[in-house]
């Protein structure tokens, strides 16, 4: 299951947004009770990400980050 959040703020997206998304993922009930769910996360941000979020994405394979440039032009990669 991919869970995501989009922020259109003037500041880079901080680690608290990632932590909040992870906390709320368990509240989503889209699969039968007791089934195994592999969680993946996607964060979308107008003004990029703080270093702590970038570091988390570099260390994890279940987290993808998308900035405004990538959203507007999907051929752009970072």
N, C-alpha and C. Protein backbone atom coordinates (compact mmCIF):
# COMPACT_ATOMS: atom_id res chain seq x y z
N UNK A 1 0.84 -1.16 0.00
CA UNK A 1 0.00 0.00 0.00
C UNK A 1 0.90 1.23 0.00
N UNK A 2 0.62 2.15 -0.90
CA UNK A 2 1.35 3.41 -0.94
C UNK A 2 0.49 4.47 -0.28
N UNK A 3 1.07 5.14 0.69
CA UNK A 3 0.40 6.23 1.39
C UNK A 3 1.23 7.48 1.15
N UNK A 4 0.56 8.58 0.85
CA UNK A 4 1.30 9.79 0.54
C UNK A 4 0.69 11.03 1.15
N UNK A 5 1.48 12.08 1.06
CA UNK A 5 1.02 13.38 1.54
C UNK A 5 1.64 14.45 0.65
N UNK A 6 0.86 15.47 0.39
CA UNK A 6 1.30 16.58 -0.45
C UNK A 6 1.21 17.87 0.36
N UNK A 7 2.28 18.65 0.35
CA UNK A 7 2.32 19.93 1.05
C UNK A 7 2.68 21.03 0.07
N UNK A 8 1.87 22.07 0.03
CA UNK A 8 2.10 23.22 -0.85
C UNK A 8 2.41 24.42 0.03
N UNK A 9 3.55 24.37 0.70
CA UNK A 9 3.94 25.42 1.63
C UNK A 9 5.18 26.14 1.12
N UNK A 10 5.48 27.26 1.76
CA UNK A 10 6.66 28.03 1.35
C UNK A 10 7.94 27.50 1.97
N UNK A 11 7.84 26.60 2.92
CA UNK A 11 9.01 26.03 3.58
C UNK A 11 9.21 24.58 3.14
N UNK A 12 10.44 24.07 3.18
CA UNK A 12 10.66 22.67 2.87
C UNK A 12 9.88 21.76 3.83
N UNK A 13 9.48 20.62 3.32
CA UNK A 13 8.74 19.65 4.12
C UNK A 13 9.66 19.04 5.15
N UNK A 14 9.27 19.07 6.42
CA UNK A 14 10.11 18.58 7.50
C UNK A 14 9.78 17.16 7.93
N UNK A 15 10.63 16.63 8.80
CA UNK A 15 10.50 15.25 9.27
C UNK A 15 9.19 15.01 10.01
N UNK A 16 8.64 16.04 10.63
CA UNK A 16 7.39 15.86 11.38
C UNK A 16 6.25 15.42 10.45
N UNK A 17 6.27 15.86 9.19
CA UNK A 17 5.24 15.44 8.22
C UNK A 17 5.37 13.95 7.93
N UNK A 18 6.60 13.47 7.78
CA UNK A 18 6.82 12.04 7.56
C UNK A 18 6.38 11.24 8.77
N UNK A 19 6.75 11.67 9.96
CA UNK A 19 6.38 10.97 11.19
C UNK A 19 4.87 10.93 11.35
N UNK A 20 4.19 12.02 11.05
CA UNK A 20 2.73 12.06 11.14
C UNK A 20 2.09 11.11 10.13
N UNK A 21 2.62 11.07 8.93
CA UNK A 21 2.09 10.16 7.91
C UNK A 21 2.25 8.72 8.36
N UNK A 22 3.41 8.37 8.89
CA UNK A 22 3.63 7.00 9.37
C UNK A 22 2.69 6.67 10.52
N UNK A 23 2.47 7.61 11.42
CA UNK A 23 1.57 7.38 12.56
C UNK A 23 0.14 7.12 12.09
N UNK A 24 -0.30 7.85 11.08
CA UNK A 24 -1.69 7.73 10.63
C UNK A 24 -1.93 6.58 9.66
N UNK A 25 -0.87 6.00 9.12
CA UNK A 25 -1.02 4.90 8.17
C UNK A 25 -1.75 3.71 8.80
N UNK A 26 -1.50 3.44 10.06
CA UNK A 26 -2.15 2.31 10.73
C UNK A 26 -3.66 2.50 10.87
N UNK A 27 -4.13 3.74 10.74
CA UNK A 27 -5.56 4.01 10.86
C UNK A 27 -6.31 3.71 9.57
N UNK A 28 -5.61 3.54 8.46
CA UNK A 28 -6.24 3.26 7.17
C UNK A 28 -6.64 1.79 7.14
N UNK A 29 -7.89 1.54 6.86
CA UNK A 29 -8.42 0.18 6.86
C UNK A 29 -8.92 -0.19 5.47
N UNK A 30 -7.98 -0.43 4.55
CA UNK A 30 -8.35 -0.76 3.18
C UNK A 30 -8.16 -2.23 2.85
N UNK A 31 -7.74 -3.01 3.78
CA UNK A 31 -7.52 -4.42 3.52
C UNK A 31 -8.19 -5.25 4.60
N UNK A 32 -8.44 -6.51 4.31
CA UNK A 32 -9.07 -7.37 5.33
C UNK A 32 -8.24 -7.43 6.60
N UNK A 33 -8.93 -7.44 7.71
CA UNK A 33 -8.25 -7.51 9.00
C UNK A 33 -7.36 -8.74 9.08
N UNK A 34 -6.18 -8.54 9.60
CA UNK A 34 -5.24 -9.63 9.77
C UNK A 34 -4.36 -9.88 8.56
N UNK A 35 -4.60 -9.20 7.45
CA UNK A 35 -3.76 -9.43 6.26
C UNK A 35 -2.46 -8.64 6.39
N UNK A 36 -1.42 -9.16 5.80
CA UNK A 36 -0.10 -8.52 5.81
C UNK A 36 -0.09 -7.36 4.83
N UNK A 37 0.33 -6.19 5.28
CA UNK A 37 0.38 -5.01 4.43
C UNK A 37 1.80 -4.48 4.41
N UNK A 38 2.34 -4.29 3.23
CA UNK A 38 3.66 -3.66 3.09
C UNK A 38 3.41 -2.18 2.82
N UNK A 39 3.84 -1.34 3.73
CA UNK A 39 3.64 0.10 3.60
C UNK A 39 4.78 0.74 2.83
N UNK A 40 4.42 1.61 1.92
CA UNK A 40 5.37 2.46 1.23
C UNK A 40 4.85 3.88 1.31
N UNK A 41 5.76 4.85 1.27
CA UNK A 41 5.39 6.24 1.48
C UNK A 41 5.88 7.11 0.33
N UNK A 42 5.07 8.11 -0.01
CA UNK A 42 5.43 9.09 -1.02
C UNK A 42 5.12 10.48 -0.46
N UNK A 43 6.09 11.35 -0.51
CA UNK A 43 5.90 12.73 -0.07
C UNK A 43 6.08 13.66 -1.27
N UNK A 44 5.16 14.60 -1.41
CA UNK A 44 5.17 15.57 -2.49
C UNK A 44 5.25 16.96 -1.84
N UNK A 45 6.18 17.78 -2.31
CA UNK A 45 6.38 19.09 -1.68
C UNK A 45 6.69 20.16 -2.71
N UNK A 46 6.09 21.30 -2.53
CA UNK A 46 6.31 22.45 -3.41
C UNK A 46 7.74 22.97 -3.30
N UNK A 47 8.26 23.03 -2.07
CA UNK A 47 9.57 23.65 -1.84
C UNK A 47 10.61 22.68 -1.30
N UNK A 48 10.55 21.46 -1.72
CA UNK A 48 11.58 20.50 -1.35
C UNK A 48 11.44 19.97 0.07
N UNK A 49 12.53 19.43 0.56
CA UNK A 49 12.52 18.69 1.82
C UNK A 49 13.71 19.10 2.69
N UNK A 50 13.51 19.02 3.99
CA UNK A 50 14.61 19.29 4.90
C UNK A 50 15.65 18.18 4.76
N UNK A 51 16.84 18.44 5.25
CA UNK A 51 17.91 17.45 5.15
C UNK A 51 17.54 16.16 5.87
N UNK A 52 16.83 16.25 6.99
CA UNK A 52 16.48 15.03 7.73
C UNK A 52 15.56 14.13 6.91
N UNK A 53 14.65 14.72 6.14
CA UNK A 53 13.76 13.92 5.29
C UNK A 53 14.57 13.33 4.12
N UNK A 54 15.46 14.11 3.54
CA UNK A 54 16.31 13.60 2.46
C UNK A 54 17.19 12.45 2.95
N UNK A 55 17.72 12.57 4.15
CA UNK A 55 18.54 11.50 4.73
C UNK A 55 17.71 10.25 4.95
N UNK A 56 16.49 10.41 5.45
CA UNK A 56 15.61 9.26 5.67
C UNK A 56 15.33 8.55 4.35
N UNK A 57 15.05 9.31 3.30
CA UNK A 57 14.77 8.71 1.99
C UNK A 57 15.99 7.98 1.44
N UNK A 58 17.18 8.51 1.70
CA UNK A 58 18.40 7.86 1.22
C UNK A 58 18.65 6.54 1.93
N UNK A 59 18.19 6.43 3.19
CA UNK A 59 18.43 5.24 4.00
C UNK A 59 17.34 4.18 3.87
N UNK A 60 16.22 4.54 3.25
CA UNK A 60 15.06 3.64 3.21
C UNK A 60 14.66 3.33 1.78
N UNK A 61 14.13 2.13 1.57
CA UNK A 61 13.63 1.80 0.24
C UNK A 61 12.10 1.90 0.16
N UNK A 62 11.46 2.32 1.26
CA UNK A 62 10.00 2.44 1.28
C UNK A 62 9.53 3.90 1.26
N UNK A 63 10.42 4.83 0.91
CA UNK A 63 10.09 6.25 0.93
C UNK A 63 10.60 6.93 -0.35
N UNK A 64 9.69 7.58 -1.06
CA UNK A 64 10.04 8.32 -2.27
C UNK A 64 9.66 9.79 -2.07
N UNK A 65 10.50 10.69 -2.54
CA UNK A 65 10.26 12.12 -2.43
C UNK A 65 10.08 12.72 -3.82
N UNK A 66 9.11 13.61 -3.95
CA UNK A 66 8.84 14.28 -5.22
C UNK A 66 8.70 15.77 -4.96
N UNK A 67 9.58 16.57 -5.61
CA UNK A 67 9.48 18.02 -5.47
C UNK A 67 8.67 18.58 -6.64
N UNK A 68 8.42 19.87 -6.63
CA UNK A 68 7.57 20.49 -7.64
C UNK A 68 8.11 20.27 -9.05
N UNK A 69 9.42 20.35 -9.21
CA UNK A 69 10.02 20.16 -10.53
C UNK A 69 9.70 18.76 -11.08
N UNK A 70 9.78 17.74 -10.24
CA UNK A 70 9.47 16.38 -10.67
C UNK A 70 7.97 16.20 -10.93
N UNK A 71 7.13 16.88 -10.18
CA UNK A 71 5.69 16.78 -10.37
C UNK A 71 5.29 17.39 -11.71
N UNK A 72 5.87 18.54 -12.02
CA UNK A 72 5.55 19.24 -13.27
C UNK A 72 6.16 18.53 -14.47
N UNK A 73 7.39 18.02 -14.33
CA UNK A 73 8.08 17.34 -15.42
C UNK A 73 8.59 15.99 -14.90
N UNK A 74 7.79 14.92 -15.07
CA UNK A 74 8.17 13.61 -14.53
C UNK A 74 9.48 13.05 -15.08
N UNK A 75 10.02 13.60 -16.17
CA UNK A 75 11.27 13.11 -16.69
C UNK A 75 12.47 13.56 -15.86
N UNK A 76 12.25 14.53 -14.94
CA UNK A 76 13.31 15.03 -14.07
C UNK A 76 13.50 14.06 -12.91
N UNK A 77 14.73 13.68 -12.66
CA UNK A 77 15.02 12.83 -11.49
C UNK A 77 16.13 13.47 -10.68
N UNK A 78 16.17 13.15 -9.42
CA UNK A 78 17.20 13.72 -8.53
C UNK A 78 18.02 12.61 -7.94
